[in-house]
């Protein structure tokens, strides 16, 4: 808090300008465009010190190439902890976080995709069917993971009174997966959904850029 209090509009703006001059900046232009006109759009920017692998053909071509920092981020594991925040709300949120030894490009990355689909990634997943549909302990529930940190998150909208019951049932779904308690049909449906998600993503501009 004390660090934020020291900040001023002038300091923030000065850092913004430093960032423009020194940080690596990636600009993606996607579509049926005129390259010459696109280059002109950015001709007034001084990219001389922070362009990597640029195909910019303006007057200010890069004179220095900077390398990207590591895309992957890891924190050391801490002991398991529970944090509760009280707020005025009609619905409570239960979030569970797990550190996984799997990141994008690892041998088990696709296995993690399938595991997440079985756990809470789709409507046929264990969390959705058992916690939300069967036991009605959550208004919504899903699992997601960050490809670059190995962080898996389960998020559920619940009644505060159902906190312990929901947490126990969620843990039971994880244990069931660890024990191989899923059918061949569930596995095949998950793979089909992942394939469909991939194919739909081919029509996404954001997905193509990523």
C-alpha atoms as a PDB file:
ATOM      1  CA  UNK A   1       0.000   0.000   0.000  1.00  0.00           C
ATOM      2  CA  UNK A   2       2.758   2.449   0.898  1.00  0.00           C
ATOM      3  CA  UNK A   3       4.440   1.898  -2.488  1.00  0.00           C
ATOM      4  CA  UNK A   4       1.228   2.741  -4.346  1.00  0.00           C
ATOM      5  CA  UNK A   5       0.713   5.860  -2.242  1.00  0.00           C
ATOM      6  CA  UNK A   6       4.076   7.201  -3.407  1.00  0.00           C
ATOM      7  CA  UNK A   7       3.119   6.996  -7.082  1.00  0.00           C
ATOM      8  CA  UNK A   8       2.163  10.177  -8.931  1.00  0.00           C
ATOM      9  CA  UNK A   9       0.609  10.846 -12.355  1.00  0.00           C
ATOM     10  CA  UNK A  10       3.963  12.215 -13.490  1.00  0.00           C
ATOM     11  CA  UNK A  11       5.864   9.082 -12.395  1.00  0.00           C
ATOM     12  CA  UNK A  12       3.360   6.762 -14.054  1.00  0.00           C
ATOM     13  CA  UNK A  13       3.494   8.707 -17.333  1.00  0.00           C
ATOM     14  CA  UNK A  14       7.298   8.763 -17.252  1.00  0.00           C
ATOM     15  CA  UNK A  15       7.375   4.990 -16.853  1.00  0.00           C
ATOM     16  CA  UNK A  16       4.860   4.609 -19.661  1.00  0.00           C
ATOM     17  CA  UNK A  17       7.206   6.494 -21.983  1.00  0.00           C
ATOM     18  CA  UNK A  18      10.191   4.442 -20.786  1.00  0.00           C
ATOM     19  CA  UNK A  19       8.206   1.286 -21.503  1.00  0.00           C
ATOM     20  CA  UNK A  20       7.510   2.399 -25.079  1.00  0.00           C
ATOM     21  CA  UNK A  21      11.196   3.048 -25.633  1.00  0.00           C
ATOM     22  CA  UNK A  22      12.722  -0.030 -23.996  1.00  0.00           C
ATOM     23  CA  UNK A  23      10.205  -2.895 -23.908  1.00  0.00           C
ATOM     24  CA  UNK A  24       9.801  -5.436 -26.689  1.00  0.00           C
ATOM     25  CA  UNK A  25       6.604  -4.562 -28.543  1.00  0.00           C
ATOM     26  CA  UNK A  26       4.760  -7.051 -30.753  1.00  0.00           C
ATOM     27  CA  UNK A  27       2.259  -5.670 -33.254  1.00  0.00           C
ATOM     28  CA  UNK A  28       0.132  -8.154 -35.176  1.00  0.00           C
ATOM     29  CA  UNK A  29      -1.825  -7.178 -38.261  1.00  0.00           C
ATOM     30  CA  UNK A  30      -4.075  -9.928 -39.577  1.00  0.00           C
ATOM     31  CA  UNK A  31      -6.196  -9.947 -42.693  1.00  0.00           C
ATOM     32  CA  UNK A  32      -6.250  -8.994 -46.338  1.00  0.00           C
ATOM     33  CA  UNK A  33      -4.307  -5.747 -45.963  1.00  0.00           C
ATOM     34  CA  UNK A  34      -1.923  -3.545 -47.911  1.00  0.00           C
ATOM     35  CA  UNK A  35       1.481  -3.963 -46.259  1.00  0.00           C
ATOM     36  CA  UNK A  36       2.697  -0.539 -47.398  1.00  0.00           C
ATOM     37  CA  UNK A  37      -0.302   1.187 -45.796  1.00  0.00           C
ATOM     38  CA  UNK A  38       0.157  -0.834 -42.605  1.00  0.00           C
ATOM     39  CA  UNK A  39       3.804   0.187 -42.358  1.00  0.00           C
ATOM     40  CA  UNK A  40       2.796   3.838 -42.749  1.00  0.00           C
ATOM     41  CA  UNK A  41       0.452   3.520 -39.776  1.00  0.00           C
ATOM     42  CA  UNK A  42       3.442   2.961 -37.504  1.00  0.00           C
ATOM     43  CA  UNK A  43       5.988   5.135 -39.289  1.00  0.00           C
ATOM     44  CA  UNK A  44       5.929   7.800 -36.569  1.00  0.00           C
ATOM     45  CA  UNK A  45       6.811   5.349 -33.799  1.00  0.00           C
ATOM     46  CA  UNK A  46      10.433   5.131 -32.728  1.00  0.00           C
ATOM     47  CA  UNK A  47      11.004   1.383 -32.689  1.00  0.00           C
ATOM     48  CA  UNK A  48      14.744   1.680 -33.152  1.00  0.00           C
ATOM     49  CA  UNK A  49      15.667   0.255 -29.751  1.00  0.00           C
ATOM     50  CA  UNK A  50      13.011  -2.359 -29.112  1.00  0.00           C
ATOM     51  CA  UNK A  51      12.094  -4.247 -32.266  1.00  0.00           C
ATOM     52  CA  UNK A  52      12.779  -7.952 -32.556  1.00  0.00           C
ATOM     53  CA  UNK A  53      12.758  -9.768 -35.902  1.00  0.00           C
ATOM     54  CA  UNK A  54      10.965  -6.810 -37.447  1.00  0.00           C
ATOM     55  CA  UNK A  55       9.967  -6.644 -41.096  1.00  0.00           C
ATOM     56  CA  UNK A  56       9.344  -2.911 -40.733  1.00  0.00           C
ATOM     57  CA  UNK A  57      10.535  -1.174 -43.884  1.00  0.00           C
ATOM     58  CA  UNK A  58      10.229   2.466 -42.808  1.00  0.00           C
ATOM     59  CA  UNK A  59      12.966   4.991 -42.157  1.00  0.00           C
ATOM     60  CA  UNK A  60      13.443   3.873 -38.569  1.00  0.00           C
ATOM     61  CA  UNK A  61      14.550   0.294 -39.039  1.00  0.00           C
ATOM     62  CA  UNK A  62      15.757  -1.452 -35.870  1.00  0.00           C
ATOM     63  CA  UNK A  63      19.375  -1.004 -34.890  1.00  0.00           C
ATOM     64  CA  UNK A  64      19.286  -3.395 -31.951  1.00  0.00           C
ATOM     65  CA  UNK A  65      17.616  -6.762 -31.429  1.00  0.00           C
ATOM     66  CA  UNK A  66      16.312  -7.590 -27.969  1.00  0.00           C
ATOM     67  CA  UNK A  67      15.443 -11.114 -26.886  1.00  0.00           C
ATOM     68  CA  UNK A  68      12.168 -12.039 -25.261  1.00  0.00           C
ATOM     69  CA  UNK A  69      12.221 -12.953 -21.607  1.00  0.00           C
ATOM     70  CA  UNK A  70      11.216 -16.457 -20.608  1.00  0.00           C
ATOM     71  CA  UNK A  71       7.532 -17.087 -21.304  1.00  0.00           C
ATOM     72  CA  UNK A  72       7.216 -19.520 -18.423  1.00  0.00           C
ATOM     73  CA  UNK A  73       6.758 -18.476 -14.820  1.00  0.00           C
ATOM     74  CA  UNK A  74       6.983 -20.577 -11.685  1.00  0.00           C
ATOM     75  CA  UNK A  75       6.590 -19.861  -7.999  1.00  0.00           C
ATOM     76  CA  UNK A  76       7.966 -22.093  -5.300  1.00  0.00           C
ATOM     77  CA  UNK A  77       5.284 -24.175  -3.675  1.00  0.00           C
ATOM     78  CA  UNK A  78       4.030 -22.986  -0.309  1.00  0.00           C
ATOM     79  CA  UNK A  79       2.196 -25.045   2.247  1.00  0.00           C
ATOM     80  CA  UNK A  80      -1.506 -25.499   1.635  1.00  0.00           C
ATOM     81  CA  UNK A  81      -3.525 -22.576   2.901  1.00  0.00           C
ATOM     82  CA  UNK A  82      -7.129 -21.392   2.974  1.00  0.00           C
ATOM     83  CA  UNK A  83      -8.012 -17.729   2.532  1.00  0.00           C
ATOM     84  CA  UNK A  84     -11.539 -16.495   3.219  1.00  0.00           C
ATOM     85  CA  UNK A  85     -12.816 -13.029   2.298  1.00  0.00           C
ATOM     86  CA  UNK A  86     -16.209 -11.768   3.461  1.00  0.00           C
ATOM     87  CA  UNK A  87     -18.243  -9.520   1.160  1.00  0.00           C
ATOM     88  CA  UNK A  88     -21.846  -8.417   0.793  1.00  0.00           C
ATOM     89  CA  UNK A  89     -23.056 -10.773  -1.944  1.00  0.00           C
ATOM     90  CA  UNK A  90     -25.864 -13.193  -2.662  1.00  0.00           C
ATOM     91  CA  UNK A  91     -23.495 -15.812  -4.075  1.00  0.00           C
ATOM     92  CA  UNK A  92     -20.158 -17.025  -2.799  1.00  0.00           C
ATOM     93  CA  UNK A  93     -17.188 -18.086  -4.899  1.00  0.00           C
ATOM     94  CA  UNK A  94     -15.088 -21.134  -4.088  1.00  0.00           C
ATOM     95  CA  UNK A  95     -11.728 -21.269  -5.848  1.00  0.00           C
ATOM     96  CA  UNK A  96      -9.154 -24.024  -5.531  1.00  0.00           C
ATOM     97  CA  UNK A  97      -5.664 -23.687  -6.970  1.00  0.00           C
ATOM     98  CA  UNK A  98      -3.139 -26.410  -7.775  1.00  0.00           C
ATOM     99  CA  UNK A  99       0.439 -26.287  -9.029  1.00  0.00           C
ATOM    100  CA  UNK A 100       1.136 -28.831 -11.779  1.00  0.00           C
ATOM    101  CA  UNK A 101       4.532 -29.908 -13.151  1.00  0.00           C
ATOM    102  CA  UNK A 102       3.252 -29.494 -16.729  1.00  0.00           C
ATOM    103  CA  UNK A 103       3.636 -26.545 -19.068  1.00  0.00           C
ATOM    104  CA  UNK A 104       3.053 -25.822 -22.740  1.00  0.00           C
ATOM    105  CA  UNK A 105       5.216 -28.064 -24.909  1.00  0.00           C
ATOM    106  CA  UNK A 106       5.851 -30.714 -22.239  1.00  0.00           C
ATOM    107  CA  UNK A 107       5.323 -34.393 -23.048  1.00  0.00           C
ATOM    108  CA  UNK A 108       2.249 -34.465 -20.799  1.00  0.00           C
ATOM    109  CA  UNK A 109       0.714 -31.238 -22.092  1.00  0.00           C
ATOM    110  CA  UNK A 110      -1.936 -32.979 -24.201  1.00  0.00           C
ATOM    111  CA  UNK A 111      -2.638 -35.341 -21.306  1.00  0.00           C
ATOM    112  CA  UNK A 112      -3.330 -32.277 -19.169  1.00  0.00           C
ATOM    113  CA  UNK A 113      -5.736 -30.980 -21.827  1.00  0.00           C
ATOM    114  CA  UNK A 114      -7.687 -34.229 -21.624  1.00  0.00           C
ATOM    115  CA  UNK A 115      -7.547 -34.313 -17.809  1.00  0.00           C
ATOM    116  CA  UNK A 116      -8.931 -30.769 -17.606  1.00  0.00           C
ATOM    117  CA  UNK A 117     -11.719 -31.675 -20.012  1.00  0.00           C
ATOM    118  CA  UNK A 118     -12.680 -34.693 -17.913  1.00  0.00           C
ATOM    119  CA  UNK A 119     -12.458 -32.699 -14.689  1.00  0.00           C
ATOM    120  CA  UNK A 120     -14.281 -29.456 -15.443  1.00  0.00           C
ATOM    121  CA  UNK A 121     -13.596 -28.201 -18.939  1.00  0.00           C
ATOM    122  CA  UNK A 122     -16.842 -29.338 -20.577  1.00  0.00           C
ATOM    123  CA  UNK A 123     -20.513 -29.949 -19.773  1.00  0.00           C
ATOM    124  CA  UNK A 124     -19.938 -33.713 -19.501  1.00  0.00           C
ATOM    125  CA  UNK A 125     -17.115 -33.272 -16.966  1.00  0.00           C
ATOM    126  CA  UNK A 126     -17.144 -34.683 -13.451  1.00  0.00           C
ATOM    127  CA  UNK A 127     -17.408 -31.300 -11.761  1.00  0.00           C
ATOM    128  CA  UNK A 128     -20.310 -30.184 -13.925  1.00  0.00           C
ATOM    129  CA  UNK A 129     -22.263 -33.446 -13.778  1.00  0.00           C
ATOM    130  CA  UNK A 130     -21.703 -34.392 -10.140  1.00  0.00           C
ATOM    131  CA  UNK A 131     -21.233 -31.133  -8.245  1.00  0.00           C
ATOM    132  CA  UNK A 132     -23.606 -28.913 -10.218  1.00  0.00           C
ATOM    133  CA  UNK A 133     -26.157 -31.198 -11.860  1.00  0.00           C
ATOM    134  CA  UNK A 134     -26.437 -34.198  -9.533  1.00  0.00           C
ATOM    135  CA  UNK A 135     -25.904 -32.632  -6.085  1.00  0.00           C
ATOM    136  CA  UNK A 136     -26.819 -28.998  -6.948  1.00  0.00           C
ATOM    137  CA  UNK A 137     -23.955 -27.672  -4.823  1.00  0.00           C
ATOM    138  CA  UNK A 138     -22.855 -25.049  -7.365  1.00  0.00           C
ATOM    139  CA  UNK A 139     -24.580 -22.573  -9.653  1.00  0.00           C
ATOM    140  CA  UNK A 140     -21.604 -22.800 -11.974  1.00  0.00           C
ATOM    141  CA  UNK A 141     -18.352 -24.732 -11.866  1.00  0.00           C
ATOM    142  CA  UNK A 142     -15.380 -25.282 -14.152  1.00  0.00           C
ATOM    143  CA  UNK A 143     -11.662 -25.957 -14.218  1.00  0.00           C
ATOM    144  CA  UNK A 144      -9.025 -24.117 -16.239  1.00  0.00           C
ATOM    145  CA  UNK A 145      -5.240 -24.150 -16.411  1.00  0.00           C
ATOM    146  CA  UNK A 146      -2.540 -21.697 -17.391  1.00  0.00           C
ATOM    147  CA  UNK A 147      -0.214 -23.182 -20.006  1.00  0.00           C
ATOM    148  CA  UNK A 148       2.714 -20.985 -18.958  1.00  0.00           C
ATOM    149  CA  UNK A 149       2.615 -21.331 -15.160  1.00  0.00           C
ATOM    150  CA  UNK A 150       1.373 -24.881 -14.571  1.00  0.00           C
ATOM    151  CA  UNK A 151      -1.475 -23.453 -12.477  1.00  0.00           C
ATOM    152  CA  UNK A 152      -4.806 -25.337 -12.427  1.00  0.00           C
ATOM    153  CA  UNK A 153      -7.836 -23.540 -11.004  1.00  0.00           C
ATOM    154  CA  UNK A 154     -11.267 -24.824 -10.064  1.00  0.00           C
ATOM    155  CA  UNK A 155     -13.900 -22.096  -9.656  1.00  0.00           C
ATOM    156  CA  UNK A 156     -17.449 -22.590  -8.410  1.00  0.00           C
ATOM    157  CA  UNK A 157     -20.312 -20.271  -7.578  1.00  0.00           C
ATOM    158  CA  UNK A 158     -21.916 -21.642  -4.399  1.00  0.00           C
ATOM    159  CA  UNK A 159     -24.051 -20.817  -1.374  1.00  0.00           C
ATOM    160  CA  UNK A 160     -21.737 -20.124   1.558  1.00  0.00           C
ATOM    161  CA  UNK A 161     -23.607 -22.748   3.577  1.00  0.00           C
ATOM    162  CA  UNK A 162     -22.486 -25.395   1.079  1.00  0.00           C
ATOM    163  CA  UNK A 163     -18.793 -24.561   1.349  1.00  0.00           C
ATOM    164  CA  UNK A 164     -17.580 -27.718   3.085  1.00  0.00           C
ATOM    165  CA  UNK A 165     -19.864 -30.055   1.141  1.00  0.00           C
ATOM    166  CA  UNK A 166     -18.838 -28.532  -2.184  1.00  0.00           C
ATOM    167  CA  UNK A 167     -15.138 -28.643  -1.340  1.00  0.00           C
ATOM    168  CA  UNK A 168     -15.347 -32.284  -0.265  1.00  0.00           C
ATOM    169  CA  UNK A 169     -17.244 -33.311  -3.392  1.00  0.00           C
ATOM    170  CA  UNK A 170     -14.784 -31.469  -5.621  1.00  0.00           C
ATOM    171  CA  UNK A 171     -11.907 -33.272  -3.910  1.00  0.00           C
ATOM    172  CA  UNK A 172     -13.735 -36.550  -4.501  1.00  0.00           C
ATOM    173  CA  UNK A 173     -13.852 -35.832  -8.252  1.00  0.00           C
ATOM    174  CA  UNK A 174     -10.087 -35.304  -8.297  1.00  0.00           C
ATOM    175  CA  UNK A 175      -9.538 -38.554  -6.428  1.00  0.00           C
ATOM    176  CA  UNK A 176     -11.848 -40.375  -8.853  1.00  0.00           C
ATOM    177  CA  UNK A 177      -9.777 -39.148 -11.797  1.00  0.00           C
ATOM    178  CA  UNK A 178      -6.564 -40.234 -10.072  1.00  0.00           C
ATOM    179  CA  UNK A 179      -8.066 -43.702  -9.656  1.00  0.00           C
ATOM    180  CA  UNK A 180      -9.062 -43.905 -13.322  1.00  0.00           C
ATOM    181  CA  UNK A 181     -12.776 -43.632 -12.580  1.00  0.00           C
ATOM    182  CA  UNK A 182     -13.996 -42.456 -15.985  1.00  0.00           C
ATOM    183  CA  UNK A 183     -15.499 -44.373 -18.880  1.00  0.00           C
ATOM    184  CA  UNK A 184     -14.077 -44.882 -22.373  1.00  0.00           C
ATOM    185  CA  UNK A 185     -17.086 -42.898 -23.615  1.00  0.00           C
ATOM    186  CA  UNK A 186     -16.176 -39.955 -21.357  1.00  0.00           C
ATOM    187  CA  UNK A 187     -12.605 -40.090 -22.616  1.00  0.00           C
ATOM    188  CA  UNK A 188     -13.634 -40.189 -26.282  1.00  0.00           C
ATOM    189  CA  UNK A 189     -16.177 -37.387 -25.817  1.00  0.00           C
ATOM    190  CA  UNK A 190     -13.492 -35.232 -24.195  1.00  0.00           C
ATOM    191  CA  UNK A 191     -11.114 -35.805 -27.101  1.00  0.00           C
ATOM    192  CA  UNK A 192     -13.917 -35.013 -29.569  1.00  0.00           C
ATOM    193  CA  UNK A 193     -14.706 -31.772 -27.736  1.00  0.00           C
ATOM    194  CA  UNK A 194     -11.027 -30.801 -27.745  1.00  0.00           C
ATOM    195  CA  UNK A 195     -10.809 -31.445 -31.479  1.00  0.00           C
ATOM    196  CA  UNK A 196     -13.950 -29.369 -32.073  1.00  0.00           C
ATOM    197  CA  UNK A 197     -12.576 -26.543 -29.936  1.00  0.00           C
ATOM    198  CA  UNK A 198      -9.383 -26.604 -31.984  1.00  0.00           C
ATOM    199  CA  UNK A 199     -11.287 -26.520 -35.288  1.00  0.00           C
ATOM    200  CA  UNK A 200     -13.555 -23.686 -34.138  1.00  0.00           C
ATOM    201  CA  UNK A 201     -10.435 -21.822 -33.046  1.00  0.00           C
ATOM    202  CA  UNK A 202      -9.220 -21.746 -36.652  1.00  0.00           C
ATOM    203  CA  UNK A 203     -11.919 -19.158 -37.315  1.00  0.00           C
ATOM    204  CA  UNK A 204     -10.841 -16.980 -34.393  1.00  0.00           C
ATOM    205  CA  UNK A 205      -8.630 -13.971 -35.152  1.00  0.00           C
ATOM    206  CA  UNK A 206      -7.372 -13.865 -31.561  1.00  0.00           C
ATOM    207  CA  UNK A 207      -6.594 -17.589 -31.629  1.00  0.00           C
ATOM    208  CA  UNK A 208      -4.688 -17.253 -34.907  1.00  0.00           C
ATOM    209  CA  UNK A 209      -2.572 -14.423 -33.510  1.00  0.00           C
ATOM    210  CA  UNK A 210      -1.837 -16.349 -30.312  1.00  0.00           C
END
